[in-house]
Amino acid sequence: MGLLAAMGSGIVGACALTAIHETARKTIPNAPRMDVLGKRAFAHTLRWAGAEPASDKLLHDMALTGDVLSNSVYYSLVAVGGRRGSVVCGAALGLAAGVGAVALPERMGLGSSPSARTAETKAMTVAWYLAGGLAAGMTYRLLTRKR
């Protein structure tokens, strides 16, 4: 059950994060645009490989899929904290991912405005990754409780 609980928790955390990002980008003016960073990353990779970047719609779908997959694996690490420490571990993972999402894109050549445009954008970025980590941690705790 441990591996399945970890994977399921990671999926819940990643889906929570993606749902927040996708809802907010349509409704909040200064919302973080992690989808834009994902599209840029895929476009850079395709150009590096000698291929033409895909259409904007396909790049968006690729970015969302990549985000959910990579964040699922990342958030599944809440299992390292065990049942009792999974929520704290999820919070730490979320904070680390949020700070990284603010600090790293510019250094990676993806620009800073999608995740660090304003102080409000930075705060939302960190808070939403934290929310994903907490969702993963709480899910792991629920899935591993004794019955």
C-alpha atoms as a PDB file:
ATOM      1  CA  MET A   1       0.000   0.000   0.000  1.00  0.00           C
ATOM      2  CA  GLY A   2       2.918   2.396   0.646  1.00  0.00           C
ATOM      3  CA  LEU A   3       3.915   2.875  -2.993  1.00  0.00           C
ATOM      4  CA  LEU A   4       0.324   3.201  -4.170  1.00  0.00           C
ATOM      5  CA  ALA A   5      -0.436   5.663  -1.379  1.00  0.00           C
ATOM      6  CA  ALA A   6       2.641   7.713  -2.292  1.00  0.00           C
ATOM      7  CA  MET A   7       1.746   7.745  -5.984  1.00  0.00           C
ATOM      8  CA  GLY A   8      -1.901   8.543  -5.302  1.00  0.00           C
ATOM      9  CA  SER A   9      -0.936  11.345  -2.950  1.00  0.00           C
ATOM     10  CA  GLY A  10       1.423  12.801  -5.530  1.00  0.00           C
ATOM     11  CA  ILE A  11      -1.331  12.749  -8.146  1.00  0.00           C
ATOM     12  CA  VAL A  12      -3.759  14.498  -5.775  1.00  0.00           C
ATOM     13  CA  GLY A  13      -1.189  17.195  -4.958  1.00  0.00           C
ATOM     14  CA  ALA A  14      -0.322  17.737  -8.627  1.00  0.00           C
ATOM     15  CA  CYS A  15      -3.962  17.889  -9.693  1.00  0.00           C
ATOM     16  CA  ALA A  16      -4.781  20.336  -6.888  1.00  0.00           C
ATOM     17  CA  LEU A  17      -1.914  22.578  -7.960  1.00  0.00           C
ATOM     18  CA  THR A  18      -2.876  22.404 -11.643  1.00  0.00           C
ATOM     19  CA  ALA A  19      -6.532  23.111 -10.875  1.00  0.00           C
ATOM     20  CA  ILE A  20      -5.558  26.188  -8.865  1.00  0.00           C
ATOM     21  CA  HIS A  21      -3.225  27.450 -11.601  1.00  0.00           C
ATOM     22  CA  GLU A  22      -5.697  26.876 -14.417  1.00  0.00           C
ATOM     23  CA  THR A  23      -8.615  28.471 -12.572  1.00  0.00           C
ATOM     24  CA  ALA A  24      -6.589  31.452 -11.396  1.00  0.00           C
ATOM     25  CA  ARG A  25      -4.993  32.215 -14.761  1.00  0.00           C
ATOM     26  CA  LYS A  26      -8.500  32.767 -16.144  1.00  0.00           C
ATOM     27  CA  THR A  27      -9.758  34.901 -13.263  1.00  0.00           C
ATOM     28  CA  ILE A  28      -6.900  36.714 -11.474  1.00  0.00           C
ATOM     29  CA  PRO A  29      -5.007  39.458 -13.379  1.00  0.00           C
ATOM     30  CA  ASN A  30      -1.548  38.900 -11.792  1.00  0.00           C
ATOM     31  CA  ALA A  31      -1.873  35.137 -11.426  1.00  0.00           C
ATOM     32  CA  PRO A  32       1.267  33.082 -11.966  1.00  0.00           C
ATOM     33  CA  ARG A  33       1.423  31.659 -15.481  1.00  0.00           C
ATOM     34  CA  MET A  34       3.258  28.390 -15.047  1.00  0.00           C
ATOM     35  CA  ASP A  35       1.619  27.222 -18.274  1.00  0.00           C
ATOM     36  CA  VAL A  36       3.624  29.905 -20.088  1.00  0.00           C
ATOM     37  CA  LEU A  37       6.855  28.665 -18.504  1.00  0.00           C
ATOM     38  CA  GLY A  38       5.979  25.115 -19.517  1.00  0.00           C
ATOM     39  CA  LYS A  39       5.248  26.147 -23.099  1.00  0.00           C
ATOM     40  CA  ARG A  40       8.537  28.030 -23.280  1.00  0.00           C
ATOM     41  CA  ALA A  41      10.431  25.033 -21.919  1.00  0.00           C
ATOM     42  CA  PHE A  42       8.884  22.673 -24.475  1.00  0.00           C
ATOM     43  CA  ALA A  43       9.464  25.148 -27.319  1.00  0.00           C
ATOM     44  CA  HIS A  44      13.146  25.539 -26.312  1.00  0.00           C
ATOM     45  CA  THR A  45      13.537  21.771 -26.143  1.00  0.00           C
ATOM     46  CA  LEU A  46      11.939  21.261 -29.547  1.00  0.00           C
ATOM     47  CA  ARG A  47      14.155  23.935 -31.112  1.00  0.00           C
ATOM     48  CA  TRP A  48      17.224  22.401 -29.465  1.00  0.00           C
ATOM     49  CA  ALA A  49      16.260  19.034 -30.985  1.00  0.00           C
ATOM     50  CA  GLY A  50      15.958  20.666 -34.406  1.00  0.00           C
ATOM     51  CA  ALA A  51      12.168  20.525 -34.602  1.00  0.00           C
ATOM     52  CA  GLU A  52       9.722  23.346 -35.091  1.00  0.00           C
ATOM     53  CA  PRO A  53       7.746  24.238 -31.966  1.00  0.00           C
ATOM     54  CA  ALA A  54       4.214  22.902 -31.986  1.00  0.00           C
ATOM     55  CA  SER A  55       1.081  25.027 -32.097  1.00  0.00           C
ATOM     56  CA  ASP A  56       0.230  27.073 -29.015  1.00  0.00           C
ATOM     57  CA  LYS A  57      -2.622  24.676 -28.123  1.00  0.00           C
ATOM     58  CA  LEU A  58      -0.383  21.617 -28.400  1.00  0.00           C
ATOM     59  CA  LEU A  59       2.373  23.331 -26.398  1.00  0.00           C
ATOM     60  CA  HIS A  60      -0.191  24.174 -23.703  1.00  0.00           C
ATOM     61  CA  ASP A  61      -1.411  20.571 -23.562  1.00  0.00           C
ATOM     62  CA  MET A  62       2.178  19.288 -23.437  1.00  0.00           C
ATOM     63  CA  ALA A  63       2.999  21.726 -20.634  1.00  0.00           C
ATOM     64  CA  LEU A  64      -0.025  20.705 -18.555  1.00  0.00           C
ATOM     65  CA  THR A  65       0.705  17.024 -19.048  1.00  0.00           C
ATOM     66  CA  GLY A  66       4.355  17.498 -18.164  1.00  0.00           C
ATOM     67  CA  ASP A  67       3.434  19.541 -15.090  1.00  0.00           C
ATOM     68  CA  VAL A  68       0.989  16.954 -13.785  1.00  0.00           C
ATOM     69  CA  LEU A  69       3.403  14.068 -14.377  1.00  0.00           C
ATOM     70  CA  SER A  70       6.479  15.743 -12.894  1.00  0.00           C
ATOM     71  CA  ASN A  71       4.593  17.274  -9.965  1.00  0.00           C
ATOM     72  CA  SER A  72       2.955  13.896  -9.230  1.00  0.00           C
ATOM     73  CA  VAL A  73       6.355  12.263  -8.904  1.00  0.00           C
ATOM     74  CA  TYR A  74       7.683  15.184  -6.854  1.00  0.00           C
ATOM     75  CA  TYR A  75       4.736  15.340  -4.459  1.00  0.00           C
ATOM     76  CA  SER A  76       4.794  11.552  -3.984  1.00  0.00           C
ATOM     77  CA  LEU A  77       7.908  12.202  -1.879  1.00  0.00           C
ATOM     78  CA  VAL A  78       5.542  13.042   1.000  1.00  0.00           C
ATOM     79  CA  ALA A  79       5.814   9.341   1.827  1.00  0.00           C
ATOM     80  CA  VAL A  80       9.367   9.977   3.041  1.00  0.00           C
ATOM     81  CA  GLY A  81       7.859  11.687   6.076  1.00  0.00           C
ATOM     82  CA  GLY A  82       5.838   8.616   6.950  1.00  0.00           C
ATOM     83  CA  ARG A  83       2.203   8.766   7.944  1.00  0.00           C
ATOM     84  CA  ARG A  84       2.788  11.089  10.901  1.00  0.00           C
ATOM     85  CA  GLY A  85       5.162  13.454   9.092  1.00  0.00           C
ATOM     86  CA  SER A  86       3.577  13.499   5.644  1.00  0.00           C
ATOM     87  CA  VAL A  87       1.800  16.834   6.076  1.00  0.00           C
ATOM     88  CA  VAL A  88       4.957  18.585   7.298  1.00  0.00           C
ATOM     89  CA  CYS A  89       6.925  16.914   4.505  1.00  0.00           C
ATOM     90  CA  GLY A  90       4.286  18.070   2.003  1.00  0.00           C
ATOM     91  CA  ALA A  91       4.539  21.626   3.306  1.00  0.00           C
ATOM     92  CA  ALA A  92       8.330  21.562   2.963  1.00  0.00           C
ATOM     93  CA  LEU A  93       8.125  20.132  -0.550  1.00  0.00           C
ATOM     94  CA  GLY A  94       5.521  22.728  -1.541  1.00  0.00           C
ATOM     95  CA  LEU A  95       7.519  25.636  -0.152  1.00  0.00           C
ATOM     96  CA  ALA A  96      10.686  24.430  -1.870  1.00  0.00           C
ATOM     97  CA  ALA A  97       8.879  24.032  -5.189  1.00  0.00           C
ATOM     98  CA  GLY A  98       7.238  27.444  -4.864  1.00  0.00           C
ATOM     99  CA  VAL A  99      10.491  29.233  -4.080  1.00  0.00           C
ATOM    100  CA  GLY A 100      12.152  27.367  -6.952  1.00  0.00           C
ATOM    101  CA  ALA A 101       9.339  28.325  -9.313  1.00  0.00           C
ATOM    102  CA  VAL A 102       9.930  31.982  -8.458  1.00  0.00           C
ATOM    103  CA  ALA A 103      13.734  31.952  -8.466  1.00  0.00           C
ATOM    104  CA  LEU A 104      14.766  29.513 -11.207  1.00  0.00           C
ATOM    105  CA  PRO A 105      12.917  30.294 -14.461  1.00  0.00           C
ATOM    106  CA  GLU A 106      14.928  33.420 -15.267  1.00  0.00           C
ATOM    107  CA  ARG A 107      18.193  31.565 -14.588  1.00  0.00           C
ATOM    108  CA  MET A 108      16.985  28.831 -16.951  1.00  0.00           C
ATOM    109  CA  GLY A 109      16.317  31.287 -19.765  1.00  0.00           C
ATOM    110  CA  LEU A 110      12.525  31.074 -19.465  1.00  0.00           C
ATOM    111  CA  GLY A 111      11.916  34.618 -18.206  1.00  0.00           C
ATOM    112  CA  SER A 112      10.726  35.720 -14.797  1.00  0.00           C
ATOM    113  CA  SER A 113       7.399  37.405 -15.456  1.00  0.00           C
ATOM    114  CA  PRO A 114       5.182  34.293 -15.478  1.00  0.00           C
ATOM    115  CA  SER A 115       6.009  33.432 -11.848  1.00  0.00           C
ATOM    116  CA  ALA A 116       7.663  36.556 -10.427  1.00  0.00           C
ATOM    117  CA  ARG A 117       6.057  39.510 -12.213  1.00  0.00           C
ATOM    118  CA  THR A 118       4.896  41.228  -9.005  1.00  0.00           C
ATOM    119  CA  ALA A 119       5.143  40.588  -5.275  1.00  0.00           C
ATOM    120  CA  GLU A 120       1.564  39.336  -5.474  1.00  0.00           C
ATOM    121  CA  THR A 121       2.479  36.897  -8.253  1.00  0.00           C
ATOM    122  CA  LYS A 122       5.439  35.598  -6.254  1.00  0.00           C
ATOM    123  CA  ALA A 123       3.269  35.099  -3.164  1.00  0.00           C
ATOM    124  CA  MET A 124       0.607  33.245  -5.148  1.00  0.00           C
ATOM    125  CA  THR A 125       3.238  31.031  -6.773  1.00  0.00           C
ATOM    126  CA  VAL A 126       4.668  29.959  -3.428  1.00  0.00           C
ATOM    127  CA  ALA A 127       1.229  29.605  -1.807  1.00  0.00           C
ATOM    128  CA  TRP A 128      -0.144  27.413  -4.575  1.00  0.00           C
ATOM    129  CA  TYR A 129       2.802  25.035  -4.563  1.00  0.00           C
ATOM    130  CA  LEU A 130       2.435  24.903  -0.785  1.00  0.00           C
ATOM    131  CA  ALA A 131      -1.252  24.018  -1.239  1.00  0.00           C
ATOM    132  CA  GLY A 132      -0.296  21.174  -3.592  1.00  0.00           C
ATOM    133  CA  GLY A 133       2.195  19.846  -1.054  1.00  0.00           C
ATOM    134  CA  LEU A 134      -0.330  20.036   1.763  1.00  0.00           C
ATOM    135  CA  ALA A 135      -2.942  18.250  -0.351  1.00  0.00           C
ATOM    136  CA  ALA A 136      -0.436  15.485  -1.075  1.00  0.00           C
ATOM    137  CA  GLY A 137       0.601  15.193   2.563  1.00  0.00           C
ATOM    138  CA  MET A 138      -2.966  15.064   3.882  1.00  0.00           C
ATOM    139  CA  THR A 139      -3.923  12.520   1.222  1.00  0.00           C
ATOM    140  CA  TYR A 140      -1.006  10.274   2.195  1.00  0.00           C
ATOM    141  CA  ARG A 141      -2.002  10.513   5.825  1.00  0.00           C
ATOM    142  CA  LEU A 142      -5.577   9.524   4.999  1.00  0.00           C
ATOM    143  CA  LEU A 143      -4.572   6.690   2.677  1.00  0.00           C
ATOM    144  CA  THR A 144      -2.217   5.125   5.221  1.00  0.00           C
ATOM    145  CA  ARG A 145      -4.424   5.320   8.304  1.00  0.00           C
ATOM    146  CA  LYS A 146      -5.117   2.079  10.103  1.00  0.00           C
ATOM    147  CA  ARG A 147      -8.535   0.654   9.514  1.00  0.00           C
END
